[in-house]
PDB file of N, CA and C in Angstrom:
ATOM      1  N   MET A   1     -56.011 210.875-177.638  1.00  0.00           N
ATOM      2  CA  MET A   1     -55.391 210.662-176.348  1.00  0.00           C
ATOM      3  C   MET A   1     -56.482 210.520-175.291  1.00  0.00           C
ATOM      4  N   SER A   2     -56.340 209.569-174.405  1.00  0.00           N
ATOM      5  CA  SER A   2     -57.332 209.325-173.361  1.00  0.00           C
ATOM      6  C   SER A   2     -57.162 210.313-172.225  1.00  0.00           C
ATOM      7  N   THR A   3     -58.284 210.681-171.664  1.00  0.00           N
ATOM      8  CA  THR A   3     -58.235 211.554-170.499  1.00  0.00           C
ATOM      9  C   THR A   3     -57.892 210.721-169.267  1.00  0.00           C
ATOM     10  N   PRO A   4     -57.357 211.344-168.234  1.00  0.00           N
ATOM     11  CA  PRO A   4     -57.059 210.591-167.006  1.00  0.00           C
ATOM     12  C   PRO A   4     -58.301 209.906-166.434  1.00  0.00           C
ATOM     13  N   GLU A   5     -59.457 210.545-166.567  1.00  0.00           N
ATOM     14  CA  GLU A   5     -60.692 209.948-166.065  1.00  0.00           C
ATOM     15  C   GLU A   5     -61.040 208.677-166.822  1.00  0.00           C
ATOM     16  N   ALA A   6     -60.824 208.684-168.126  1.00  0.00           N
ATOM     17  CA  ALA A   6     -61.116 207.500-168.943  1.00  0.00           C
ATOM     18  C   ALA A   6     -60.173 206.356-168.591  1.00  0.00           C
ATOM     19  N   VAL A   7     -58.919 206.683-168.328  1.00  0.00           N
ATOM     20  CA  VAL A   7     -57.945 205.655-167.958  1.00  0.00           C
ATOM     21  C   VAL A   7     -58.332 205.044-166.612  1.00  0.00           C
ATOM     22  N   ILE A   8     -58.689 205.887-165.655  1.00  0.00           N
ATOM     23  CA  ILE A   8     -59.103 205.399-164.332  1.00  0.00           C
ATOM     24  C   ILE A   8     -60.342 204.526-164.460  1.00  0.00           C
ATOM     25  N   GLN A   9     -61.317 204.950-165.251  1.00  0.00           N
ATOM     26  CA  GLN A   9     -62.546 204.183-165.453  1.00  0.00           C
ATOM     27  C   GLN A   9     -62.228 202.817-166.053  1.00  0.00           C
ATOM     28  N   TYR A  10     -61.347 202.798-167.036  1.00  0.00           N
ATOM     29  CA  TYR A  10     -60.958 201.533-167.673  1.00  0.00           C
ATOM     30  C   TYR A  10     -60.316 200.594-166.655  1.00  0.00           C
ATOM     31  N   LEU A  11     -59.385 201.118-165.868  1.00  0.00           N
ATOM     32  CA  LEU A  11     -58.703 200.294-164.865  1.00  0.00           C
ATOM     33  C   LEU A  11     -59.675 199.787-163.807  1.00  0.00           C
ATOM     34  N   GLU A  12     -60.590 200.641-163.358  1.00  0.00           N
ATOM     35  CA  GLU A  12     -61.568 200.231-162.356  1.00  0.00           C
ATOM     36  C   GLU A  12     -62.475 199.117-162.876  1.00  0.00           C
ATOM     37  N   GLU A  13     -62.799 199.144-164.141  1.00  0.00           N
ATOM     38  CA  GLU A  13     -63.642 198.106-164.727  1.00  0.00           C
ATOM     39  C   GLU A  13     -62.927 196.756-164.769  1.00  0.00           C
ATOM     40  N   HIS A  14     -61.608 196.762-164.754  1.00  0.00           N
ATOM     41  CA  HIS A  14     -60.833 195.526-164.868  1.00  0.00           C
ATOM     42  C   HIS A  14     -60.242 195.055-163.539  1.00  0.00           C
ATOM     43  N   ILE A  15     -60.599 195.698-162.433  1.00  0.00           N
ATOM     44  CA  ILE A  15     -60.076 195.297-161.129  1.00  0.00           C
ATOM     45  C   ILE A  15     -60.387 193.836-160.811  1.00  0.00           C
ATOM     46  N   PRO A  16     -61.626 193.355-160.977  1.00  0.00           N
ATOM     47  CA  PRO A  16     -61.879 191.938-160.669  1.00  0.00           C
ATOM     48  C   PRO A  16     -61.019 190.981-161.486  1.00  0.00           C
ATOM     49  N   GLU A  17     -60.837 191.274-162.748  1.00  0.00           N
ATOM     50  CA  GLU A  17     -60.016 190.432-163.617  1.00  0.00           C
ATOM     51  C   GLU A  17     -58.550 190.447-163.163  1.00  0.00           C
ATOM     52  N   MET A  18     -58.028 191.629-162.855  1.00  0.00           N
ATOM     53  CA  MET A  18     -56.635 191.738-162.418  1.00  0.00           C
ATOM     54  C   MET A  18     -56.434 191.071-161.060  1.00  0.00           C
ATOM     55  N   ALA A  19     -57.413 191.192-160.160  1.00  0.00           N
ATOM     56  CA  ALA A  19     -57.311 190.561-158.845  1.00  0.00           C
ATOM     57  C   ALA A  19     -57.301 189.039-158.986  1.00  0.00           C
ATOM     58  N   GLY A  20     -58.150 188.516-159.838  1.00  0.00           N
ATOM     59  CA  GLY A  20     -58.184 187.078-160.070  1.00  0.00           C
ATOM     60  C   GLY A  20     -56.861 186.563-160.617  1.00  0.00           C
ATOM     61  N   ALA A  21     -56.274 187.309-161.542  1.00  0.00           N
ATOM     62  CA  ALA A  21     -54.987 186.910-162.110  1.00  0.00           C
ATOM     63  C   ALA A  21     -53.888 186.964-161.051  1.00  0.00           C
ATOM     64  N   ALA A  22     -53.926 187.962-160.177  1.00  0.00           N
ATOM     65  CA  ALA A  22     -52.920 188.080-159.122  1.00  0.00           C
ATOM     66  C   ALA A  22     -53.035 186.935-158.123  1.00  0.00           C
ATOM     67  N   ILE A  23     -54.257 186.549-157.793  1.00  0.00           N
ATOM     68  CA  ILE A  23     -54.458 185.431-156.856  1.00  0.00           C
ATOM     69  C   ILE A  23     -53.951 184.131-157.470  1.00  0.00           C
ATOM     70  N   THR A  24     -54.268 183.903-158.729  1.00  0.00           N
ATOM     71  CA  THR A  24     -53.800 182.696-159.408  1.00  0.00           C
ATOM     72  C   THR A  24     -52.278 182.661-159.472  1.00  0.00           C
ATOM     73  N   GLN A  25     -51.668 183.783-159.783  1.00  0.00           N
ATOM     74  CA  GLN A  25     -50.211 183.858-159.857  1.00  0.00           C
ATOM     75  C   GLN A  25     -49.584 183.590-158.489  1.00  0.00           C
ATOM     76  N   ALA A  26     -50.139 184.175-157.428  1.00  0.00           N
ATOM     77  CA  ALA A  26     -49.605 183.947-156.084  1.00  0.00           C
ATOM     78  C   ALA A  26     -49.742 182.485-155.673  1.00  0.00           C
ATOM     79  N   TYR A  27     -50.851 181.856-156.029  1.00  0.00           N
ATOM     80  CA  TYR A  27     -51.081 180.438-155.743  1.00  0.00           C
ATOM     81  C   TYR A  27     -49.971 179.590-156.351  1.00  0.00           C
ATOM     82  N   TRP A  28     -49.728 179.789-157.644  1.00  0.00           N
ATOM     83  CA  TRP A  28     -48.725 178.975-158.337  1.00  0.00           C
ATOM     84  C   TRP A  28     -47.309 179.307-157.888  1.00  0.00           C
ATOM     85  N   GLN A  29     -47.039 180.564-157.567  1.00  0.00           N
ATOM     86  CA  GLN A  29     -45.710 180.929-157.074  1.00  0.00           C
ATOM     87  C   GLN A  29     -45.434 180.278-155.724  1.00  0.00           C
ATOM     88  N   ALA A  30     -46.436 180.236-154.854  1.00  0.00           N
ATOM     89  CA  ALA A  30     -46.266 179.608-153.545  1.00  0.00           C
ATOM     90  C   ALA A  30     -45.974 178.123-153.707  1.00  0.00           C
ATOM     91  N   LEU A  31     -46.728 177.446-154.558  1.00  0.00           N
ATOM     92  CA  LEU A  31     -46.481 176.023-154.791  1.00  0.00           C
ATOM     93  C   LEU A  31     -45.107 175.792-155.427  1.00  0.00           C
ATOM     94  N   ALA A  32     -44.722 176.648-156.362  1.00  0.00           N
ATOM     95  CA  ALA A  32     -43.425 176.499-157.028  1.00  0.00           C
ATOM     96  C   ALA A  32     -42.263 176.704-156.059  1.00  0.00           C
ATOM     97  N   SER A  33     -42.480 177.508-155.012  1.00  0.00           N
ATOM     98  CA  SER A  33     -41.410 177.755-154.042  1.00  0.00           C
ATOM     99  C   SER A  33     -41.329 176.654-152.992  1.00  0.00           C
ATOM    100  N   GLY A  34     -42.235 175.682-153.055  1.00  0.00           N
ATOM    101  CA  GLY A  34     -42.213 174.576-152.116  1.00  0.00           C
ATOM    102  C   GLY A  34     -43.144 174.743-150.938  1.00  0.00           C
ATOM    103  N   SER A  35     -43.918 175.807-150.916  1.00  0.00           N
ATOM    104  CA  SER A  35     -44.860 176.048-149.821  1.00  0.00           C
ATOM    105  C   SER A  35     -46.205 175.403-150.125  1.00  0.00           C
ATOM    106  N   SER A  36     -46.960 175.164-149.073  1.00  0.00           N
ATOM    107  CA  SER A  36     -48.331 174.691-149.260  1.00  0.00           C
ATOM    108  C   SER A  36     -49.262 175.898-149.293  1.00  0.00           C
ATOM    109  N   VAL A  37     -50.475 175.674-149.789  1.00  0.00           N
ATOM    110  CA  VAL A  37     -51.461 176.744-149.954  1.00  0.00           C
ATOM    111  C   VAL A  37     -52.787 176.285-149.367  1.00  0.00           C
ATOM    112  N   LEU A  38     -53.466 177.175-148.656  1.00  0.00           N
ATOM    113  CA  LEU A  38     -54.807 176.877-148.158  1.00  0.00           C
ATOM    114  C   LEU A  38     -55.825 177.355-149.180  1.00  0.00           C
ATOM    115  N   VAL A  39     -56.796 176.484-149.503  1.00  0.00           N
ATOM    116  CA  VAL A  39     -57.835 176.848-150.465  1.00  0.00           C
ATOM    117  C   VAL A  39     -59.208 176.578-149.867  1.00  0.00           C
ATOM    118  N   ASN A  40     -60.131 177.428-150.185  1.00  0.00           N
ATOM    119  CA  ASN A  40     -61.507 177.321-149.731  1.00  0.00           C
ATOM    120  C   ASN A  40     -62.301 176.585-150.800  1.00  0.00           C
ATOM    121  N   GLU A  41     -62.779 175.411-150.479  1.00  0.00           N
ATOM    122  CA  GLU A  41     -63.617 174.625-151.377  1.00  0.00           C
ATOM    123  C   GLU A  41     -65.040 174.638-150.809  1.00  0.00           C
ATOM    124  N   PRO A  42     -66.045 174.259-151.606  1.00  0.00           N
ATOM    125  CA  PRO A  42     -67.424 174.281-151.095  1.00  0.00           C
ATOM    126  C   PRO A  42     -67.644 173.447-149.831  1.00  0.00           C
ATOM    127  N   ASP A  43     -66.872 172.368-149.659  1.00  0.00           N
ATOM    128  CA  ASP A  43     -67.089 171.518-148.489  1.00  0.00           C
ATOM    129  C   ASP A  43     -66.100 171.779-147.349  1.00  0.00           C
ATOM    130  N   GLY A  44     -65.201 172.748-147.487  1.00  0.00           N
ATOM    131  CA  GLY A  44     -64.302 173.068-146.391  1.00  0.00           C
ATOM    132  C   GLY A  44     -62.965 173.622-146.844  1.00  0.00           C
ATOM    133  N   LEU A  45     -62.057 173.739-145.879  1.00  0.00           N
ATOM    134  CA  LEU A  45     -60.730 174.291-146.107  1.00  0.00           C
ATOM    135  C   LEU A  45     -59.740 173.148-146.344  1.00  0.00           C
ATOM    136  N   TYR A  46     -58.931 173.278-147.397  1.00  0.00           N
ATOM    137  CA  TYR A  46     -57.950 172.254-147.748  1.00  0.00           C
ATOM    138  C   TYR A  46     -56.561 172.873-147.813  1.00  0.00           C
ATOM    139  N   GLU A  47     -55.554 172.063-147.484  1.00  0.00           N
ATOM    140  CA  GLU A  47     -54.165 172.449-147.685  1.00  0.00           C
ATOM    141  C   GLU A  47     -53.671 171.701-148.913  1.00  0.00           C
ATOM    142  N   VAL A  48     -53.158 172.441-149.883  1.00  0.00           N
ATOM    143  CA  VAL A  48     -52.658 171.856-151.125  1.00  0.00           C
ATOM    144  C   VAL A  48     -51.135 171.944-151.085  1.00  0.00           C
ATOM    145  N   PHE A  49     -50.477 170.831-151.394  1.00  0.00           N
ATOM    146  CA  PHE A  49     -49.024 170.750-151.349  1.00  0.00           C
ATOM    147  C   PHE A  49     -48.441 170.793-152.757  1.00  0.00           C
ATOM    148  N   PRO A  50     -47.160 171.147-152.875  1.00  0.00           N
ATOM    149  CA  PRO A  50     -46.546 171.243-154.202  1.00  0.00           C
ATOM    150  C   PRO A  50     -46.606 169.955-155.025  1.00  0.00           C
ATOM    151  N   ASP A  51     -46.667 168.800-154.361  1.00  0.00           N
ATOM    152  CA  ASP A  51     -46.731 167.543-155.122  1.00  0.00           C
ATOM    153  C   ASP A  51     -48.150 167.213-155.588  1.00  0.00           C
ATOM    154  N   GLY A  52     -49.109 168.096-155.288  1.00  0.00           N
ATOM    155  CA  GLY A  52     -50.485 167.903-155.741  1.00  0.00           C
ATOM    156  C   GLY A  52     -51.410 167.261-154.729  1.00  0.00           C
ATOM    157  N   THR A  53     -50.869 166.784-153.613  1.00  0.00           N
ATOM    158  CA  THR A  53     -51.737 166.176-152.606  1.00  0.00           C
ATOM    159  C   THR A  53     -52.523 167.261-151.880  1.00  0.00           C
ATOM    160  N   ARG A  54     -53.685 166.854-151.388  1.00  0.00           N
ATOM    161  CA  ARG A  54     -54.583 167.778-150.682  1.00  0.00           C
ATOM    162  C   ARG A  54     -54.975 167.141-149.359  1.00  0.00           C
ATOM    163  N   THR A  55     -55.009 167.959-148.315  1.00  0.00           N
ATOM    164  CA  THR A  55     -55.399 167.480-146.998  1.00  0.00           C
ATOM    165  C   THR A  55     -56.550 168.340-146.495  1.00  0.00           C
ATOM    166  N   PHE A  56     -57.613 167.671-146.041  1.00  0.00           N
ATOM    167  CA  PHE A  56     -58.748 168.392-145.469  1.00  0.00           C
ATOM    168  C   PHE A  56     -58.311 168.994-144.135  1.00  0.00           C
ATOM    169  N   VAL A  57     -58.577 170.283-143.923  1.00  0.00           N
ATOM    170  CA  VAL A  57     -58.187 170.966-142.686  1.00  0.00           C
ATOM    171  C   VAL A  57     -59.380 171.079-141.746  1.00  0.00           C
ATOM    172  N   LYS A  58     -60.473 171.669-142.231  1.00  0.00           N
ATOM    173  CA  LYS A  58     -61.661 171.798-141.393  1.00  0.00           C
ATOM    174  C   LYS A  58     -62.852 172.250-142.232  1.00  0.00           C
ATOM    175  N   PRO A  59     -64.059 171.970-141.741  1.00  0.00           N
ATOM    176  CA  PRO A  59     -65.245 172.486-142.438  1.00  0.00           C
ATOM    177  C   PRO A  59     -65.368 173.990-142.170  1.00  0.00           C
ATOM    178  N   LEU A  60     -65.982 174.675-143.088  1.00  0.00           N
ATOM    179  CA  LEU A  60     -66.191 176.114-142.928  1.00  0.00           C
ATOM    180  C   LEU A  60     -67.681 176.413-142.829  1.00  0.00           C
ATOM    181  N   PRO A  61     -68.047 177.437-142.055  1.00  0.00           N
ATOM    182  CA  PRO A  61     -69.461 177.781-141.966  1.00  0.00           C
ATOM    183  C   PRO A  61     -69.947 178.336-143.310  1.00  0.00           C
ATOM    184  N   PRO A  62     -71.248 178.246-143.554  1.00  0.00           N
ATOM    185  CA  PRO A  62     -71.762 178.804-144.809  1.00  0.00           C
ATOM    186  C   PRO A  62     -71.583 180.317-144.829  1.00  0.00           C
ATOM    187  N   PRO A  63     -71.460 180.905-146.015  1.00  0.00           N
ATOM    188  CA  PRO A  63     -71.301 182.356-146.096  1.00  0.00           C
ATOM    189  C   PRO A  63     -72.529 183.083-145.556  1.00  0.00           C
ATOM    190  N   THR A  64     -72.313 184.260-145.015  1.00  0.00           N
ATOM    191  CA  THR A  64     -73.401 185.088-144.507  1.00  0.00           C
ATOM    192  C   THR A  64     -73.738 186.134-145.558  1.00  0.00           C
ATOM    193  N   PRO A  65     -74.939 186.074-146.125  1.00  0.00           N
ATOM    194  CA  PRO A  65     -75.293 187.084-147.133  1.00  0.00           C
ATOM    195  C   PRO A  65     -75.471 188.457-146.478  1.00  0.00           C
ATOM    196  N   VAL A  66     -74.923 189.474-147.108  1.00  0.00           N
ATOM    197  CA  VAL A  66     -75.039 190.847-146.624  1.00  0.00           C
ATOM    198  C   VAL A  66     -75.474 191.707-147.803  1.00  0.00           C
ATOM    199  N   PRO A  67     -76.612 192.394-147.687  1.00  0.00           N
ATOM    200  CA  PRO A  67     -77.042 193.275-148.774  1.00  0.00           C
ATOM    201  C   PRO A  67     -76.000 194.373-149.032  1.00  0.00           C
ATOM    202  N   PRO A  68     -75.874 194.826-150.272  1.00  0.00           N
ATOM    203  CA  PRO A  68     -74.853 195.815-150.611  1.00  0.00           C
ATOM    204  C   PRO A  68     -74.931 197.109-149.796  1.00  0.00           C
ATOM    205  N   ASP A  69     -76.113 197.499-149.369  1.00  0.00           N
ATOM    206  CA  ASP A  69     -76.239 198.772-148.654  1.00  0.00           C
ATOM    207  C   ASP A  69     -76.137 198.607-147.137  1.00  0.00           C
ATOM    208  N   GLN A  70     -75.784 197.426-146.659  1.00  0.00           N
ATOM    209  CA  GLN A  70     -75.720 197.173-145.231  1.00  0.00           C
ATOM    210  C   GLN A  70     -74.272 196.941-144.799  1.00  0.00           C
ATOM    211  N   LYS A  71     -73.916 197.433-143.619  1.00  0.00           N
ATOM    212  CA  LYS A  71     -72.577 197.205-143.080  1.00  0.00           C
ATOM    213  C   LYS A  71     -72.641 196.047-142.108  1.00  0.00           C
ATOM    214  N   ARG A  72     -71.567 195.287-142.063  1.00  0.00           N
ATOM    215  CA  ARG A  72     -71.482 194.156-141.117  1.00  0.00           C
ATOM    216  C   ARG A  72     -70.215 194.342-140.305  1.00  0.00           C
ATOM    217  N   ILE A  73     -70.353 194.352-139.003  1.00  0.00           N
ATOM    218  CA  ILE A  73     -69.214 194.539-138.103  1.00  0.00           C
ATOM    219  C   ILE A  73     -68.913 193.202-137.447  1.00  0.00           C
ATOM    220  N   THR A  74     -67.652 192.763-137.569  1.00  0.00           N
ATOM    221  CA  THR A  74     -67.244 191.515-136.928  1.00  0.00           C
ATOM    222  C   THR A  74     -66.416 191.847-135.702  1.00  0.00           C
ATOM    223  N   ARG A  75     -66.587 191.056-134.679  1.00  0.00           N
ATOM    224  CA  ARG A  75     -65.836 191.301-133.442  1.00  0.00           C
ATOM    225  C   ARG A  75     -65.127 190.064-133.028  1.00  0.00           C
TER     226      ARG A  75
END
């Protein structure tokens, strides 16, 4: 029988995988319901429609690298 700590450790190790699956599921559910979805592509922000068409919305600034031990405050 697994200890509660082992179960928590296992779940924590799989958070990125579960988050990715949840995002993918939400994406497809939104399109299936007839809604459009905004997606971040390397060259900018796009709106994707249920029929598969894509419309460029706007360019996005490059990401700001932040070291893991540093906090960044946005205002």
